[in-house]
Amino acid sequence: MSDRLQPGDTAPAFTLPDADGNEISLSAHAGRKVIVYFYPAALTPGCTKQACDFTDNLELLTGAGYDVIGISPDKPEKLAKFREKEGLKVTLVGDPSKETLAAYGAFGEKKLYGKTVTGVIRSTVIVDEEGKIERALYNVKATGHVAKLIKDLNI
């Protein structure tokens, strides 16, 4: 099981391809807060709901100083299809090697329908302007998570 991040930890650096194949790096967001959320797979019901919730609230979040990056193990082609089909505005990046997912503690053993499986643990990590972990939330729900996040962040 991957180690979970704690507030105060340095956020693991990453550079991953987005839906268009462009390299997206956490370091490019220095000076802004970043909501990095990890989800199992594009084009699935829960992940679609979560991505749409982030898109619907993107203006509010960016206005409050937060950038949003969604990370899944999907390849850029699938992310592009997901973005187009759902009209998503959040930055989606793919981590097929699952190295970044593991570095953030968002890949490992989890319970799924009562069975222990290895996979993506739906998680959200808030990175502050200096690249430190402000909050690390694991096993979050796809539905209602964004609303709870906005409330918890006092936005």
C-alpha atoms as a PDB file:
ATOM      1  CA  MET A   1       0.000   0.000   0.000  1.00  0.00           C
ATOM      2  CA  SER A   2       1.262   3.459  -0.831  1.00  0.00           C
ATOM      3  CA  ASP A   3       2.030   5.834   1.997  1.00  0.00           C
ATOM      4  CA  ARG A   4      -0.568   8.525   2.379  1.00  0.00           C
ATOM      5  CA  LEU A   5       0.504  12.132   2.330  1.00  0.00           C
ATOM      6  CA  GLN A   6       0.085  14.331   5.393  1.00  0.00           C
ATOM      7  CA  PRO A   7      -0.355  18.101   5.713  1.00  0.00           C
ATOM      8  CA  GLY A   8       3.067  19.757   5.590  1.00  0.00           C
ATOM      9  CA  ASP A   9       4.605  17.103   3.309  1.00  0.00           C
ATOM     10  CA  THR A  10       6.153  18.320   0.060  1.00  0.00           C
ATOM     11  CA  ALA A  11       3.865  17.465  -2.843  1.00  0.00           C
ATOM     12  CA  PRO A  12       5.534  14.945  -5.179  1.00  0.00           C
ATOM     13  CA  ALA A  13       6.524  16.645  -8.437  1.00  0.00           C
ATOM     14  CA  PHE A  14       4.940  15.362 -11.631  1.00  0.00           C
ATOM     15  CA  THR A  15       4.893  16.026 -15.360  1.00  0.00           C
ATOM     16  CA  LEU A  16       2.160  14.119 -17.177  1.00  0.00           C
ATOM     17  CA  PRO A  17       0.435  14.336 -20.581  1.00  0.00           C
ATOM     18  CA  ASP A  18      -2.946  16.053 -20.753  1.00  0.00           C
ATOM     19  CA  ALA A  19      -5.827  15.147 -23.091  1.00  0.00           C
ATOM     20  CA  ASP A  20      -3.997  16.870 -25.979  1.00  0.00           C
ATOM     21  CA  GLY A  21      -0.629  15.249 -25.223  1.00  0.00           C
ATOM     22  CA  ASN A  22       0.829  18.464 -23.728  1.00  0.00           C
ATOM     23  CA  GLU A  23       3.058  18.067 -20.679  1.00  0.00           C
ATOM     24  CA  ILE A  24       1.450  19.385 -17.477  1.00  0.00           C
ATOM     25  CA  SER A  25       3.703  19.888 -14.445  1.00  0.00           C
ATOM     26  CA  LEU A  26       2.781  20.657 -10.876  1.00  0.00           C
ATOM     27  CA  SER A  27       5.726  23.088 -10.789  1.00  0.00           C
ATOM     28  CA  ALA A  28       4.028  25.237 -13.460  1.00  0.00           C
ATOM     29  CA  HIS A  29       1.369  26.077 -10.839  1.00  0.00           C
ATOM     30  CA  ALA A  30       3.825  27.438  -8.240  1.00  0.00           C
ATOM     31  CA  GLY A  31       2.352  30.455  -6.480  1.00  0.00           C
ATOM     32  CA  ARG A  32      -1.218  29.128  -6.779  1.00  0.00           C
ATOM     33  CA  LYS A  33      -3.072  26.545  -4.774  1.00  0.00           C
ATOM     34  CA  VAL A  34      -3.828  23.347  -6.685  1.00  0.00           C
ATOM     35  CA  ILE A  35      -6.572  20.798  -6.125  1.00  0.00           C
ATOM     36  CA  VAL A  36      -5.176  17.524  -7.463  1.00  0.00           C
ATOM     37  CA  TYR A  37      -7.830  14.849  -7.609  1.00  0.00           C
ATOM     38  CA  PHE A  38      -7.288  11.206  -8.460  1.00  0.00           C
ATOM     39  CA  TYR A  39     -10.018   9.099 -10.069  1.00  0.00           C
ATOM     40  CA  PRO A  40     -10.112   5.498 -11.337  1.00  0.00           C
ATOM     41  CA  ALA A  41     -11.207   5.846 -14.977  1.00  0.00           C
ATOM     42  CA  ALA A  42     -12.530   8.322 -17.525  1.00  0.00           C
ATOM     43  CA  LEU A  43     -15.979   7.679 -19.011  1.00  0.00           C
ATOM     44  CA  THR A  44     -17.329   5.817 -15.964  1.00  0.00           C
ATOM     45  CA  PRO A  45     -20.416   7.054 -14.060  1.00  0.00           C
ATOM     46  CA  GLY A  46     -18.821   8.123 -10.752  1.00  0.00           C
ATOM     47  CA  CYS A  47     -15.779   9.682 -12.383  1.00  0.00           C
ATOM     48  CA  THR A  48     -17.996  11.524 -14.865  1.00  0.00           C
ATOM     49  CA  LYS A  49     -20.118  12.931 -12.022  1.00  0.00           C
ATOM     50  CA  GLN A  50     -16.999  14.084 -10.156  1.00  0.00           C
ATOM     51  CA  ALA A  51     -15.370  15.655 -13.251  1.00  0.00           C
ATOM     52  CA  CYS A  52     -18.634  17.440 -14.128  1.00  0.00           C
ATOM     53  CA  ASP A  53     -18.918  18.751 -10.546  1.00  0.00           C
ATOM     54  CA  PHE A  54     -15.370  20.156 -10.749  1.00  0.00           C
ATOM     55  CA  THR A  55     -16.154  21.682 -14.180  1.00  0.00           C
ATOM     56  CA  ASP A  56     -19.411  23.220 -12.898  1.00  0.00           C
ATOM     57  CA  ASN A  57     -17.516  24.832  -9.995  1.00  0.00           C
ATOM     58  CA  LEU A  58     -14.281  25.632 -11.836  1.00  0.00           C
ATOM     59  CA  GLU A  59     -14.926  29.390 -12.071  1.00  0.00           C
ATOM     60  CA  LEU A  60     -15.644  29.559  -8.338  1.00  0.00           C
ATOM     61  CA  LEU A  61     -12.514  27.522  -7.510  1.00  0.00           C
ATOM     62  CA  THR A  62     -10.157  29.435  -9.841  1.00  0.00           C
ATOM     63  CA  GLY A  63     -11.621  32.719  -8.591  1.00  0.00           C
ATOM     64  CA  ALA A  64     -10.681  31.625  -5.055  1.00  0.00           C
ATOM     65  CA  GLY A  65      -7.101  30.949  -6.210  1.00  0.00           C
ATOM     66  CA  TYR A  66      -7.277  27.200  -6.897  1.00  0.00           C
ATOM     67  CA  ASP A  67      -6.256  25.400 -10.080  1.00  0.00           C
ATOM     68  CA  VAL A  68      -7.744  21.927 -10.604  1.00  0.00           C
ATOM     69  CA  ILE A  69      -5.963  18.909 -12.097  1.00  0.00           C
ATOM     70  CA  GLY A  70      -7.596  15.491 -12.437  1.00  0.00           C
ATOM     71  CA  ILE A  71      -5.300  12.454 -12.678  1.00  0.00           C
ATOM     72  CA  SER A  72      -6.259   8.944 -13.780  1.00  0.00           C
ATOM     73  CA  PRO A  73      -4.318   6.031 -15.298  1.00  0.00           C
ATOM     74  CA  ASP A  74      -5.944   6.773 -18.685  1.00  0.00           C
ATOM     75  CA  LYS A  75      -4.055   7.561 -21.893  1.00  0.00           C
ATOM     76  CA  PRO A  76      -4.447  11.060 -23.448  1.00  0.00           C
ATOM     77  CA  GLU A  77      -6.729   9.739 -26.226  1.00  0.00           C
ATOM     78  CA  LYS A  78      -9.275   8.470 -23.703  1.00  0.00           C
ATOM     79  CA  LEU A  79      -9.032  11.712 -21.712  1.00  0.00           C
ATOM     80  CA  ALA A  80      -9.741  13.711 -24.890  1.00  0.00           C
ATOM     81  CA  LYS A  81     -12.804  11.560 -25.585  1.00  0.00           C
ATOM     82  CA  PHE A  82     -13.957  12.059 -21.962  1.00  0.00           C
ATOM     83  CA  ARG A  83     -13.458  15.837 -22.160  1.00  0.00           C
ATOM     84  CA  GLU A  84     -15.309  16.151 -25.475  1.00  0.00           C
ATOM     85  CA  LYS A  85     -18.199  13.846 -24.525  1.00  0.00           C
ATOM     86  CA  GLU A  86     -18.849  15.576 -21.183  1.00  0.00           C
ATOM     87  CA  GLY A  87     -17.780  19.142 -22.059  1.00  0.00           C
ATOM     88  CA  LEU A  88     -15.180  19.146 -19.278  1.00  0.00           C
ATOM     89  CA  LYS A  89     -13.122  22.253 -18.544  1.00  0.00           C
ATOM     90  CA  VAL A  90     -10.813  20.842 -15.833  1.00  0.00           C
ATOM     91  CA  THR A  91      -7.276  19.845 -16.776  1.00  0.00           C
ATOM     92  CA  LEU A  92      -7.149  16.060 -17.090  1.00  0.00           C
ATOM     93  CA  VAL A  93      -3.817  14.263 -17.174  1.00  0.00           C
ATOM     94  CA  GLY A  94      -2.967  10.604 -17.616  1.00  0.00           C
ATOM     95  CA  ASP A  95      -0.637   8.489 -15.503  1.00  0.00           C
ATOM     96  CA  PRO A  96      -0.593   5.069 -17.231  1.00  0.00           C
ATOM     97  CA  SER A  97       2.551   4.053 -15.270  1.00  0.00           C
ATOM     98  CA  LYS A  98       0.670   4.882 -12.025  1.00  0.00           C
ATOM     99  CA  GLU A  99       3.890   6.354 -10.572  1.00  0.00           C
ATOM    100  CA  THR A 100       2.286   9.689  -9.653  1.00  0.00           C
ATOM    101  CA  LEU A 101      -0.831   7.938  -8.323  1.00  0.00           C
ATOM    102  CA  ALA A 102       1.403   5.828  -6.053  1.00  0.00           C
ATOM    103  CA  ALA A 103       3.535   8.821  -4.990  1.00  0.00           C
ATOM    104  CA  TYR A 104       0.370  10.543  -3.759  1.00  0.00           C
ATOM    105  CA  GLY A 105      -0.914   7.452  -1.961  1.00  0.00           C
ATOM    106  CA  ALA A 106      -3.790   7.226  -4.452  1.00  0.00           C
ATOM    107  CA  PHE A 107      -2.977   3.738  -5.747  1.00  0.00           C
ATOM    108  CA  GLY A 108      -2.989   0.577  -3.684  1.00  0.00           C
ATOM    109  CA  GLU A 109      -5.256  -1.825  -1.879  1.00  0.00           C
ATOM    110  CA  LYS A 110      -8.866  -0.817  -1.453  1.00  0.00           C
ATOM    111  CA  LYS A 111     -12.190  -2.450  -0.760  1.00  0.00           C
ATOM    112  CA  LEU A 112     -14.510  -2.829  -3.728  1.00  0.00           C
ATOM    113  CA  TYR A 113     -17.842  -4.544  -3.175  1.00  0.00           C
ATOM    114  CA  GLY A 114     -16.427  -6.260  -0.091  1.00  0.00           C
ATOM    115  CA  LYS A 115     -13.317  -7.582  -1.836  1.00  0.00           C
ATOM    116  CA  THR A 116      -9.782  -6.275  -1.435  1.00  0.00           C
ATOM    117  CA  VAL A 117      -8.427  -5.171  -4.807  1.00  0.00           C
ATOM    118  CA  THR A 118      -5.489  -3.088  -6.003  1.00  0.00           C
ATOM    119  CA  GLY A 119      -6.423   0.057  -7.871  1.00  0.00           C
ATOM    120  CA  VAL A 120      -6.908   3.811  -7.839  1.00  0.00           C
ATOM    121  CA  ILE A 121      -8.090   5.162  -4.496  1.00  0.00           C
ATOM    122  CA  ARG A 122     -10.376   8.129  -5.189  1.00  0.00           C
ATOM    123  CA  SER A 123      -8.479  10.923  -3.463  1.00  0.00           C
ATOM    124  CA  THR A 124      -8.099  14.703  -3.403  1.00  0.00           C
ATOM    125  CA  VAL A 125      -4.971  16.544  -2.364  1.00  0.00           C
ATOM    126  CA  ILE A 126      -4.769  20.305  -1.855  1.00  0.00           C
ATOM    127  CA  VAL A 127      -1.308  21.695  -2.601  1.00  0.00           C
ATOM    128  CA  ASP A 128      -0.492  25.192  -1.304  1.00  0.00           C
ATOM    129  CA  GLU A 129       1.369  27.973  -3.136  1.00  0.00           C
ATOM    130  CA  GLU A 130       4.743  26.681  -1.877  1.00  0.00           C
ATOM    131  CA  GLY A 131       4.142  23.100  -3.053  1.00  0.00           C
ATOM    132  CA  LYS A 132       3.299  21.695   0.379  1.00  0.00           C
ATOM    133  CA  ILE A 133       0.322  19.460   1.152  1.00  0.00           C
ATOM    134  CA  GLU A 134      -2.434  21.482   2.803  1.00  0.00           C
ATOM    135  CA  ARG A 135      -4.982  18.647   2.930  1.00  0.00           C
ATOM    136  CA  ALA A 136      -4.975  15.023   1.789  1.00  0.00           C
ATOM    137  CA  LEU A 137      -8.369  13.309   1.550  1.00  0.00           C
ATOM    138  CA  TYR A 138      -8.580   9.603   0.736  1.00  0.00           C
ATOM    139  CA  ASN A 139     -11.494   7.316  -0.184  1.00  0.00           C
ATOM    140  CA  VAL A 140     -13.660  10.298  -1.055  1.00  0.00           C
ATOM    141  CA  LYS A 141     -17.094   9.845  -2.615  1.00  0.00           C
ATOM    142  CA  ALA A 142     -17.586  10.820  -6.260  1.00  0.00           C
ATOM    143  CA  THR A 143     -20.960  12.426  -5.572  1.00  0.00           C
ATOM    144  CA  GLY A 144     -21.093  15.497  -3.355  1.00  0.00           C
ATOM    145  CA  HIS A 145     -17.329  15.657  -2.889  1.00  0.00           C
ATOM    146  CA  VAL A 146     -16.823  18.969  -4.701  1.00  0.00           C
ATOM    147  CA  ALA A 147     -19.607  20.671  -2.718  1.00  0.00           C
ATOM    148  CA  LYS A 148     -18.074  19.403   0.537  1.00  0.00           C
ATOM    149  CA  LEU A 149     -14.623  20.585  -0.574  1.00  0.00           C
ATOM    150  CA  ILE A 150     -15.938  24.079  -1.336  1.00  0.00           C
ATOM    151  CA  LYS A 151     -17.589  24.199   2.094  1.00  0.00           C
ATOM    152  CA  ASP A 152     -14.472  22.878   3.895  1.00  0.00           C
ATOM    153  CA  LEU A 153     -12.232  25.404   2.086  1.00  0.00           C
ATOM    154  CA  ASN A 154     -14.629  28.244   2.970  1.00  0.00           C
ATOM    155  CA  ILE A 155     -15.081  29.264  -0.661  1.00  0.00           C
END
